[in-house]
Amino acid sequence: MSKGKGILFSPLIFKCLNHKKTQLITYDPPKSDVFSIGMVMLECCSLIKSEAYYNYDKFKVDMSHISKTVTSVRLRYSSSLVDLIDRML
């Protein structure tokens, strides 16, 4: 198991980890928390484990895969719910 696997890191946190820095000027803790909540909501709606969007070894979040999943979820749930998830991500 990769180190950190299963943790819903935001892209900003991955950027910090990739650069081996504990802080970046652009890091915004509330924004990262909102991203993580959005990932939990997306997992609940899509039934796809959030880990599927992460490459923990390269510190990357596959935003295109997330976008495709949001599009597929849009077919099953109300537009207001999906719009909320989309804004969080």
PDB file of N, CA and C in Angstrom:
ATOM      1  N   MET A   1       0.846  -1.181   0.000  1.00  0.00           N
ATOM      2  CA  MET A   1       0.000   0.000   0.000  1.00  0.00           C
ATOM      3  C   MET A   1       0.888   1.240   0.000  1.00  0.00           C
ATOM      4  N   SER A   2       0.568   2.197  -0.859  1.00  0.00           N
ATOM      5  CA  SER A   2       1.328   3.437  -0.939  1.00  0.00           C
ATOM      6  C   SER A   2       1.113   4.264   0.324  1.00  0.00           C
ATOM      7  N   LYS A   3       2.101   5.012   0.661  1.00  0.00           N
ATOM      8  CA  LYS A   3       2.005   5.890   1.816  1.00  0.00           C
ATOM      9  C   LYS A   3       0.940   6.953   1.542  1.00  0.00           C
ATOM     10  N   GLY A   4       0.007   7.121   2.456  1.00  0.00           N
ATOM     11  CA  GLY A   4      -1.034   8.128   2.302  1.00  0.00           C
ATOM     12  C   GLY A   4      -2.245   7.657   1.530  1.00  0.00           C
ATOM     13  N   LYS A   5      -2.212   6.437   1.019  1.00  0.00           N
ATOM     14  CA  LYS A   5      -3.328   5.950   0.210  1.00  0.00           C
ATOM     15  C   LYS A   5      -4.601   5.942   1.040  1.00  0.00           C
ATOM     16  N   GLY A   6      -5.673   6.386   0.438  1.00  0.00           N
ATOM     17  CA  GLY A   6      -6.956   6.438   1.125  1.00  0.00           C
ATOM     18  C   GLY A   6      -7.253   7.807   1.711  1.00  0.00           C
ATOM     19  N   ILE A   7      -6.275   8.687   1.722  1.00  0.00           N
ATOM     20  CA  ILE A   7      -6.491  10.042   2.230  1.00  0.00           C
ATOM     21  C   ILE A   7      -6.880  10.926   1.049  1.00  0.00           C
ATOM     22  N   LEU A   8      -7.925  11.719   1.220  1.00  0.00           N
ATOM     23  CA  LEU A   8      -8.427  12.546   0.133  1.00  0.00           C
ATOM     24  C   LEU A   8      -7.703  13.894   0.105  1.00  0.00           C
ATOM     25  N   PHE A   9      -6.485  13.869  -0.393  1.00  0.00           N
ATOM     26  CA  PHE A   9      -5.693  15.082  -0.504  1.00  0.00           C
ATOM     27  C   PHE A   9      -6.258  15.988  -1.591  1.00  0.00           C
ATOM     28  N   SER A  10      -6.169  17.276  -1.365  1.00  0.00           N
ATOM     29  CA  SER A  10      -6.522  18.224  -2.423  1.00  0.00           C
ATOM     30  C   SER A  10      -5.317  18.372  -3.344  1.00  0.00           C
ATOM     31  N   PRO A  11      -5.532  18.866  -4.554  1.00  0.00           N
ATOM     32  CA  PRO A  11      -4.391  19.101  -5.452  1.00  0.00           C
ATOM     33  C   PRO A  11      -3.337  20.028  -4.828  1.00  0.00           C
ATOM     34  N   LEU A  12      -3.777  20.993  -4.001  1.00  0.00           N
ATOM     35  CA  LEU A  12      -2.824  21.904  -3.365  1.00  0.00           C
ATOM     36  C   LEU A  12      -1.932  21.179  -2.364  1.00  0.00           C
ATOM     37  N   ILE A  13      -2.492  20.240  -1.624  1.00  0.00           N
ATOM     38  CA  ILE A  13      -1.679  19.476  -0.679  1.00  0.00           C
ATOM     39  C   ILE A  13      -0.695  18.591  -1.432  1.00  0.00           C
ATOM     40  N   PHE A  14      -1.158  17.973  -2.519  1.00  0.00           N
ATOM     41  CA  PHE A  14      -0.244  17.168  -3.330  1.00  0.00           C
ATOM     42  C   PHE A  14       0.897  18.022  -3.867  1.00  0.00           C
ATOM     43  N   LYS A  15       0.601  19.257  -4.227  1.00  0.00           N
ATOM     44  CA  LYS A  15       1.645  20.155  -4.717  1.00  0.00           C
ATOM     45  C   LYS A  15       2.693  20.381  -3.627  1.00  0.00           C
ATOM     46  N   CYS A  16       2.234  20.579  -2.389  1.00  0.00           N
ATOM     47  CA  CYS A  16       3.163  20.740  -1.260  1.00  0.00           C
ATOM     48  C   CYS A  16       4.009  19.485  -1.079  1.00  0.00           C
ATOM     49  N   LEU A  17       3.366  18.325  -1.118  1.00  0.00           N
ATOM     50  CA  LEU A  17       4.083  17.068  -0.926  1.00  0.00           C
ATOM     51  C   LEU A  17       5.097  16.822  -2.041  1.00  0.00           C
ATOM     52  N   ASN A  18       4.701  17.143  -3.267  1.00  0.00           N
ATOM     53  CA  ASN A  18       5.586  16.943  -4.413  1.00  0.00           C
ATOM     54  C   ASN A  18       6.839  17.813  -4.309  1.00  0.00           C
ATOM     55  N   HIS A  19       6.683  19.031  -3.796  1.00  0.00           N
ATOM     56  CA  HIS A  19       7.817  19.948  -3.669  1.00  0.00           C
ATOM     57  C   HIS A  19       8.524  19.806  -2.320  1.00  0.00           C
ATOM     58  N   LYS A  20       8.060  18.820  -1.521  1.00  0.00           N
ATOM     59  CA  LYS A  20       8.645  18.557  -0.201  1.00  0.00           C
ATOM     60  C   LYS A  20       8.666  19.806   0.670  1.00  0.00           C
ATOM     61  N   LYS A  21       7.567  20.557   0.592  1.00  0.00           N
ATOM     62  CA  LYS A  21       7.421  21.746   1.422  1.00  0.00           C
ATOM     63  C   LYS A  21       6.222  21.534   2.336  1.00  0.00           C
ATOM     64  N   THR A  22       6.305  22.099   3.509  1.00  0.00           N
ATOM     65  CA  THR A  22       5.176  21.975   4.423  1.00  0.00           C
ATOM     66  C   THR A  22       4.136  23.059   4.166  1.00  0.00           C
ATOM     67  N   GLN A  23       4.543  24.125   3.497  1.00  0.00           N
ATOM     68  CA  GLN A  23       3.603  25.199   3.215  1.00  0.00           C
ATOM     69  C   GLN A  23       3.913  25.826   1.863  1.00  0.00           C
ATOM     70  N   LEU A  24       2.871  26.205   1.191  1.00  0.00           N
ATOM     71  CA  LEU A  24       2.987  27.013  -0.011  1.00  0.00           C
ATOM     72  C   LEU A  24       2.126  28.246   0.193  1.00  0.00           C
ATOM     73  N   ILE A  25       2.502  29.327  -0.378  1.00  0.00           N
ATOM     74  CA  ILE A  25       1.741  30.563  -0.229  1.00  0.00           C
ATOM     75  C   ILE A  25       0.306  30.378  -0.715  1.00  0.00           C
ATOM     76  N   THR A  26       0.113  29.562  -1.748  1.00  0.00           N
ATOM     77  CA  THR A  26      -1.217  29.389  -2.339  1.00  0.00           C
ATOM     78  C   THR A  26      -2.081  28.390  -1.578  1.00  0.00           C
ATOM     79  N   TYR A  27      -1.529  27.703  -0.565  1.00  0.00           N
ATOM     80  CA  TYR A  27      -2.291  26.698   0.165  1.00  0.00           C
ATOM     81  C   TYR A  27      -3.373  27.362   1.008  1.00  0.00           C
ATOM     82  N   ASP A  28      -4.591  26.871   0.866  1.00  0.00           N
ATOM     83  CA  ASP A  28      -5.748  27.411   1.577  1.00  0.00           C
ATOM     84  C   ASP A  28      -6.463  26.249   2.264  1.00  0.00           C
ATOM     85  N   PRO A  29      -6.277  26.067   3.589  1.00  0.00           N
ATOM     86  CA  PRO A  29      -6.871  24.912   4.279  1.00  0.00           C
ATOM     87  C   PRO A  29      -8.378  24.762   4.081  1.00  0.00           C
ATOM     88  N   PRO A  30      -9.190  25.822   4.200  1.00  0.00           N
ATOM     89  CA  PRO A  30     -10.631  25.626   3.979  1.00  0.00           C
ATOM     90  C   PRO A  30     -10.946  25.139   2.559  1.00  0.00           C
ATOM     91  N   LYS A  31     -10.224  25.658   1.578  1.00  0.00           N
ATOM     92  CA  LYS A  31     -10.447  25.235   0.198  1.00  0.00           C
ATOM     93  C   LYS A  31     -10.105  23.757   0.036  1.00  0.00           C
ATOM     94  N   SER A  32      -9.052  23.310   0.670  1.00  0.00           N
ATOM     95  CA  SER A  32      -8.680  21.894   0.617  1.00  0.00           C
ATOM     96  C   SER A  32      -9.731  21.022   1.297  1.00  0.00           C
ATOM     97  N   ASP A  33     -10.276  21.506   2.405  1.00  0.00           N
ATOM     98  CA  ASP A  33     -11.340  20.763   3.097  1.00  0.00           C
ATOM     99  C   ASP A  33     -12.587  20.645   2.238  1.00  0.00           C
ATOM    100  N   VAL A  34     -12.945  21.713   1.553  1.00  0.00           N
ATOM    101  CA  VAL A  34     -14.115  21.694   0.663  1.00  0.00           C
ATOM    102  C   VAL A  34     -13.898  20.695  -0.462  1.00  0.00           C
ATOM    103  N   PHE A  35     -12.683  20.655  -1.006  1.00  0.00           N
ATOM    104  CA  PHE A  35     -12.369  19.688  -2.055  1.00  0.00           C
ATOM    105  C   PHE A  35     -12.575  18.266  -1.541  1.00  0.00           C
ATOM    106  N   SER A  36     -12.090  17.986  -0.343  1.00  0.00           N
ATOM    107  CA  SER A  36     -12.227  16.643   0.234  1.00  0.00           C
ATOM    108  C   SER A  36     -13.689  16.271   0.448  1.00  0.00           C
ATOM    109  N   ILE A  37     -14.488  17.213   0.903  1.00  0.00           N
ATOM    110  CA  ILE A  37     -15.925  16.954   1.079  1.00  0.00           C
ATOM    111  C   ILE A  37     -16.571  16.684  -0.278  1.00  0.00           C
ATOM    112  N   GLY A  38     -16.169  17.436  -1.297  1.00  0.00           N
ATOM    113  CA  GLY A  38     -16.671  17.197  -2.646  1.00  0.00           C
ATOM    114  C   GLY A  38     -16.326  15.808  -3.146  1.00  0.00           C
ATOM    115  N   MET A  39     -15.116  15.346  -2.823  1.00  0.00           N
ATOM    116  CA  MET A  39     -14.714  13.999  -3.227  1.00  0.00           C
ATOM    117  C   MET A  39     -15.557  12.933  -2.529  1.00  0.00           C
ATOM    118  N   VAL A  40     -15.881  13.151  -1.254  1.00  0.00           N
ATOM    119  CA  VAL A  40     -16.738  12.208  -0.520  1.00  0.00           C
ATOM    120  C   VAL A  40     -18.129  12.179  -1.151  1.00  0.00           C
ATOM    121  N   MET A  41     -18.654  13.354  -1.484  1.00  0.00           N
ATOM    122  CA  MET A  41     -19.979  13.420  -2.120  1.00  0.00           C
ATOM    123  C   MET A  41     -19.968  12.735  -3.483  1.00  0.00           C
ATOM    124  N   LEU A  42     -18.901  12.936  -4.245  1.00  0.00           N
ATOM    125  CA  LEU A  42     -18.788  12.295  -5.556  1.00  0.00           C
ATOM    126  C   LEU A  42     -18.721  10.783  -5.408  1.00  0.00           C
ATOM    127  N   GLU A  43     -17.972  10.307  -4.419  1.00  0.00           N
ATOM    128  CA  GLU A  43     -17.885   8.870  -4.178  1.00  0.00           C
ATOM    129  C   GLU A  43     -19.257   8.299  -3.822  1.00  0.00           C
ATOM    130  N   CYS A  44     -20.001   9.007  -3.002  1.00  0.00           N
ATOM    131  CA  CYS A  44     -21.338   8.542  -2.612  1.00  0.00           C
ATOM    132  C   CYS A  44     -22.288   8.479  -3.811  1.00  0.00           C
ATOM    133  N   CYS A  45     -22.201   9.455  -4.697  1.00  0.00           N
ATOM    134  CA  CYS A  45     -23.104   9.499  -5.855  1.00  0.00           C
ATOM    135  C   CYS A  45     -22.700   8.531  -6.957  1.00  0.00           C
ATOM    136  N   SER A  46     -21.402   8.340  -7.141  1.00  0.00           N
ATOM    137  CA  SER A  46     -20.930   7.519  -8.259  1.00  0.00           C
ATOM    138  C   SER A  46     -20.649   6.072  -7.865  1.00  0.00           C
ATOM    139  N   LEU A  47     -20.474   5.848  -6.563  1.00  0.00           N
ATOM    140  CA  LEU A  47     -20.074   4.538  -6.049  1.00  0.00           C
ATOM    141  C   LEU A  47     -18.700   4.106  -6.572  1.00  0.00           C
ATOM    142  N   ILE A  48     -17.882   5.093  -6.941  1.00  0.00           N
ATOM    143  CA  ILE A  48     -16.493   4.854  -7.349  1.00  0.00           C
ATOM    144  C   ILE A  48     -15.609   5.349  -6.212  1.00  0.00           C
ATOM    145  N   LYS A  49     -14.737   4.471  -5.727  1.00  0.00           N
ATOM    146  CA  LYS A  49     -13.834   4.856  -4.644  1.00  0.00           C
ATOM    147  C   LYS A  49     -13.015   6.079  -5.040  1.00  0.00           C
ATOM    148  N   SER A  50     -12.912   7.027  -4.151  1.00  0.00           N
ATOM    149  CA  SER A  50     -12.152   8.249  -4.424  1.00  0.00           C
ATOM    150  C   SER A  50     -10.698   7.964  -4.772  1.00  0.00           C
ATOM    151  N   GLU A  51     -10.161   6.869  -4.253  1.00  0.00           N
ATOM    152  CA  GLU A  51      -8.772   6.504  -4.543  1.00  0.00           C
ATOM    153  C   GLU A  51      -8.521   6.318  -6.035  1.00  0.00           C
ATOM    154  N   ALA A  52      -9.564   6.043  -6.796  1.00  0.00           N
ATOM    155  CA  ALA A  52      -9.422   5.826  -8.241  1.00  0.00           C
ATOM    156  C   ALA A  52      -8.948   7.085  -8.969  1.00  0.00           C
ATOM    157  N   TYR A  53      -9.110   8.242  -8.344  1.00  0.00           N
ATOM    158  CA  TYR A  53      -8.744   9.508  -8.972  1.00  0.00           C
ATOM    159  C   TYR A  53      -7.342   9.980  -8.590  1.00  0.00           C
ATOM    160  N   TYR A  54      -6.690   9.224  -7.718  1.00  0.00           N
ATOM    161  CA  TYR A  54      -5.407   9.657  -7.172  1.00  0.00           C
ATOM    162  C   TYR A  54      -4.262   8.778  -7.651  1.00  0.00           C
ATOM    163  N   ASN A  55      -3.124   9.434  -7.924  1.00  0.00           N
ATOM    164  CA  ASN A  55      -1.862   8.731  -8.130  1.00  0.00           C
ATOM    165  C   ASN A  55      -0.963   9.187  -6.983  1.00  0.00           C
ATOM    166  N   TYR A  56      -0.946   8.367  -5.935  1.00  0.00           N
ATOM    167  CA  TYR A  56      -0.226   8.740  -4.716  1.00  0.00           C
ATOM    168  C   TYR A  56       1.290   8.741  -4.902  1.00  0.00           C
ATOM    169  N   ASP A  57       1.778   7.994  -5.863  1.00  0.00           N
ATOM    170  CA  ASP A  57       3.214   7.950  -6.089  1.00  0.00           C
ATOM    171  C   ASP A  57       3.721   9.201  -6.802  1.00  0.00           C
ATOM    172  N   LYS A  58       2.883   9.779  -7.672  1.00  0.00           N
ATOM    173  CA  LYS A  58       3.280  10.965  -8.439  1.00  0.00           C
ATOM    174  C   LYS A  58       2.658  12.254  -7.898  1.00  0.00           C
ATOM    175  N   PHE A  59       1.912  12.146  -6.798  1.00  0.00           N
ATOM    176  CA  PHE A  59       1.258  13.302  -6.191  1.00  0.00           C
ATOM    177  C   PHE A  59       0.361  14.034  -7.188  1.00  0.00           C
ATOM    178  N   LYS A  60      -0.488  13.282  -7.856  1.00  0.00           N
ATOM    179  CA  LYS A  60      -1.386  13.852  -8.863  1.00  0.00           C
ATOM    180  C   LYS A  60      -2.830  13.443  -8.586  1.00  0.00           C
ATOM    181  N   VAL A  61      -3.741  14.355  -8.904  1.00  0.00           N
ATOM    182  CA  VAL A  61      -5.169  14.079  -8.878  1.00  0.00           C
ATOM    183  C   VAL A  61      -5.633  14.141 -10.324  1.00  0.00           C
ATOM    184  N   ASP A  62      -6.313  13.101 -10.787  1.00  0.00           N
ATOM    185  CA  ASP A  62      -6.766  13.026 -12.172  1.00  0.00           C
ATOM    186  C   ASP A  62      -8.071  13.808 -12.324  1.00  0.00           C
ATOM    187  N   MET A  63      -7.934  15.107 -12.564  1.00  0.00           N
ATOM    188  CA  MET A  63      -9.102  15.987 -12.659  1.00  0.00           C
ATOM    189  C   MET A  63      -9.971  15.658 -13.875  1.00  0.00           C
ATOM    190  N   SER A  64      -9.395  15.144 -14.943  1.00  0.00           N
ATOM    191  CA  SER A  64     -10.212  14.786 -16.111  1.00  0.00           C
ATOM    192  C   SER A  64     -11.103  13.590 -15.789  1.00  0.00           C
ATOM    193  N   HIS A  65     -10.596  12.634 -15.028  1.00  0.00           N
ATOM    194  CA  HIS A  65     -11.401  11.491 -14.602  1.00  0.00           C
ATOM    195  C   HIS A  65     -12.521  11.953 -13.664  1.00  0.00           C
ATOM    196  N   ILE A  66     -12.213  12.896 -12.785  1.00  0.00           N
ATOM    197  CA  ILE A  66     -13.224  13.462 -11.898  1.00  0.00           C
ATOM    198  C   ILE A  66     -14.311  14.150 -12.718  1.00  0.00           C
ATOM    199  N   SER A  67     -13.903  14.919 -13.703  1.00  0.00           N
ATOM    200  CA  SER A  67     -14.858  15.633 -14.557  1.00  0.00           C
ATOM    201  C   SER A  67     -15.787  14.671 -15.303  1.00  0.00           C
ATOM    202  N   LYS A  68     -15.239  13.588 -15.814  1.00  0.00           N
ATOM    203  CA  LYS A  68     -16.057  12.588 -16.507  1.00  0.00           C
ATOM    204  C   LYS A  68     -17.050  11.941 -15.554  1.00  0.00           C
ATOM    205  N   THR A  69     -16.623  11.692 -14.334  1.00  0.00           N
ATOM    206  CA  THR A  69     -17.513  11.087 -13.347  1.00  0.00           C
ATOM    207  C   THR A  69     -18.629  12.056 -12.972  1.00  0.00           C
ATOM    208  N   VAL A  70     -18.300  13.330 -12.809  1.00  0.00           N
ATOM    209  CA  VAL A  70     -19.319  14.341 -12.512  1.00  0.00           C
ATOM    210  C   VAL A  70     -20.350  14.377 -13.631  1.00  0.00           C
ATOM    211  N   THR A  71     -19.890  14.284 -14.869  1.00  0.00           N
ATOM    212  CA  THR A  71     -20.807  14.272 -16.015  1.00  0.00           C
ATOM    213  C   THR A  71     -21.735  13.060 -15.967  1.00  0.00           C
ATOM    214  N   SER A  72     -21.208  11.895 -15.624  1.00  0.00           N
ATOM    215  CA  SER A  72     -22.049  10.694 -15.563  1.00  0.00           C
ATOM    216  C   SER A  72     -23.022  10.759 -14.387  1.00  0.00           C
ATOM    217  N   VAL A  73     -22.596  11.355 -13.290  1.00  0.00           N
ATOM    218  CA  VAL A  73     -23.472  11.501 -12.124  1.00  0.00           C
ATOM    219  C   VAL A  73     -24.619  12.455 -12.444  1.00  0.00           C
ATOM    220  N   ARG A  74     -24.357  13.417 -13.304  1.00  0.00           N
ATOM    221  CA  ARG A  74     -25.374  14.406 -13.688  1.00  0.00           C
ATOM    222  C   ARG A  74     -26.613  13.742 -14.294  1.00  0.00           C
ATOM    223  N   LEU A  75     -26.437  12.559 -14.887  1.00  0.00           N
ATOM    224  CA  LEU A  75     -27.559  11.848 -15.507  1.00  0.00           C
ATOM    225  C   LEU A  75     -28.477  11.192 -14.478  1.00  0.00           C
ATOM    226  N   ARG A  76     -27.984  11.024 -13.242  1.00  0.00           N
ATOM    227  CA  ARG A  76     -28.748  10.306 -12.220  1.00  0.00           C
ATOM    228  C   ARG A  76     -29.278  11.164 -11.092  1.00  0.00           C
ATOM    229  N   TYR A  77     -28.697  12.322 -10.876  1.00  0.00           N
ATOM    230  CA  TYR A  77     -29.056  13.145  -9.725  1.00  0.00           C
ATOM    231  C   TYR A  77     -29.472  14.544 -10.168  1.00  0.00           C
ATOM    232  N   SER A  78     -30.059  15.278  -9.248  1.00  0.00           N
ATOM    233  CA  SER A  78     -30.535  16.622  -9.560  1.00  0.00           C
ATOM    234  C   SER A  78     -29.372  17.528  -9.954  1.00  0.00           C
ATOM    235  N   SER A  79     -29.676  18.475 -10.799  1.00  0.00           N
ATOM    236  CA  SER A  79     -28.622  19.386 -11.259  1.00  0.00           C
ATOM    237  C   SER A  79     -28.086  20.226 -10.109  1.00  0.00           C
ATOM    238  N   SER A  80     -28.922  20.558  -9.131  1.00  0.00           N
ATOM    239  CA  SER A  80     -28.430  21.364  -8.014  1.00  0.00           C
ATOM    240  C   SER A  80     -27.405  20.597  -7.175  1.00  0.00           C
ATOM    241  N   LEU A  81     -27.622  19.298  -6.968  1.00  0.00           N
ATOM    242  CA  LEU A  81     -26.649  18.489  -6.225  1.00  0.00           C
ATOM    243  C   LEU A  81     -25.339  18.381  -7.003  1.00  0.00           C
ATOM    244  N   VAL A  82     -25.447  18.070  -8.268  1.00  0.00           N
ATOM    245  CA  VAL A  82     -24.232  17.884  -9.073  1.00  0.00           C
ATOM    246  C   VAL A  82     -23.493  19.205  -9.253  1.00  0.00           C
ATOM    247  N   ASP A  83     -24.227  20.294  -9.395  1.00  0.00           N
ATOM    248  CA  ASP A  83     -23.573  21.612  -9.490  1.00  0.00           C
ATOM    249  C   ASP A  83     -22.803  21.938  -8.208  1.00  0.00           C
ATOM    250  N   LEU A  84     -23.378  21.568  -7.065  1.00  0.00           N
ATOM    251  CA  LEU A  84     -22.693  21.779  -5.789  1.00  0.00           C
ATOM    252  C   LEU A  84     -21.393  20.981  -5.742  1.00  0.00           C
ATOM    253  N   ILE A  85     -21.467  19.705  -6.122  1.00  0.00           N
ATOM    254  CA  ILE A  85     -20.257  18.865  -6.141  1.00  0.00           C
ATOM    255  C   ILE A  85     -19.225  19.443  -7.099  1.00  0.00           C
ATOM    256  N   ASP A  86     -19.684  19.855  -8.275  1.00  0.00           N
ATOM    257  CA  ASP A  86     -18.781  20.402  -9.287  1.00  0.00           C
ATOM    258  C   ASP A  86     -18.076  21.666  -8.771  1.00  0.00           C
ATOM    259  N   ARG A  87     -18.791  22.517  -8.065  1.00  0.00           N
ATOM    260  CA  ARG A  87     -18.176  23.735  -7.522  1.00  0.00           C
ATOM    261  C   ARG A  87     -17.157  23.418  -6.432  1.00  0.00           C
ATOM    262  N   MET A  88     -17.389  22.320  -5.692  1.00  0.00           N
ATOM    263  CA  MET A  88     -16.476  21.950  -4.618  1.00  0.00           C
ATOM    264  C   MET A  88     -15.165  21.391  -5.166  1.00  0.00           C
ATOM    265  N   LEU A  89     -15.234  20.821  -6.357  1.00  0.00           N
ATOM    266  CA  LEU A  89     -14.052  20.214  -6.939  1.00  0.00           C
ATOM    267  C   LEU A  89     -13.415  21.185  -7.895  1.00  0.00           C
TER     268      LEU A  89
END
